[in-house]
Amino acid sequence: MIAKIGKWRDDDSTCPRISELGGSDVMAASLVLLIGEDICHRSEVLRSAGYAVEECASEITAAAWFRGGRSADIVCITEGTRGPAEAPLAIARHFSSAPMVLFRSANHNYLQRVWDLDVPLYRPPELWLEDIAALLASMRTTIACSAELRVDSRNLQGETARLPEESRRLREELSRVLSRGTGQRE
């Protein structure tokens, strides 16, 4: 029998729900890379909320950080006062598949949206901390579901590999039954 593939709907999901991944657990186990000038002291806010934070003042130091084989659970980029953060966003997206947060300092225009969460300049820390925790929980839920689907896929591949032999066996059995049936009538 072919294995049942995990469902994605919340009402009958075999994947963990966001609520099962608890906010404080998400924070405690998460490494945040903060790229750019931290003029609003967001690194201290993140640390006080339980995140481990590493800081890179520029896209050059961020590229070196990533080239050193490091990875973050989430990448936060602060816009500079001089213009949009196109270069840090490009560096982060090139080296990392982690969710990205853009902390705004102005209403700059971008050629392409490559970040997952947009935090306006005057959004209170308690709100953007909740947003970041939800983004991390969602990412972890997606990873857990993806892992479950890979297991289901391997199981299906195994079962599918056995189908040609099973089909051959059934054809032979059917042939024997039909030949006996034909032989009995003659």
Foldseek 3Di string as FASTA:
>chain_A
DADDQADDDPVRGPFDDLVVCDLLNLAQPFEEEEEADPPVVVVVLSVVSRHHYDYHHHLVSVLVCLVVVDAGQEYEYEQDPVAGPVSNLVSCVVRYPHAYEYEYPDPHDDPDDDHDYYHYPPDDSVVVSVVVSSSSSVVVSVVRSVVSNVVSVVRNVVVVVCVVVVVVVVVVVVVVVVVVVVVVVD
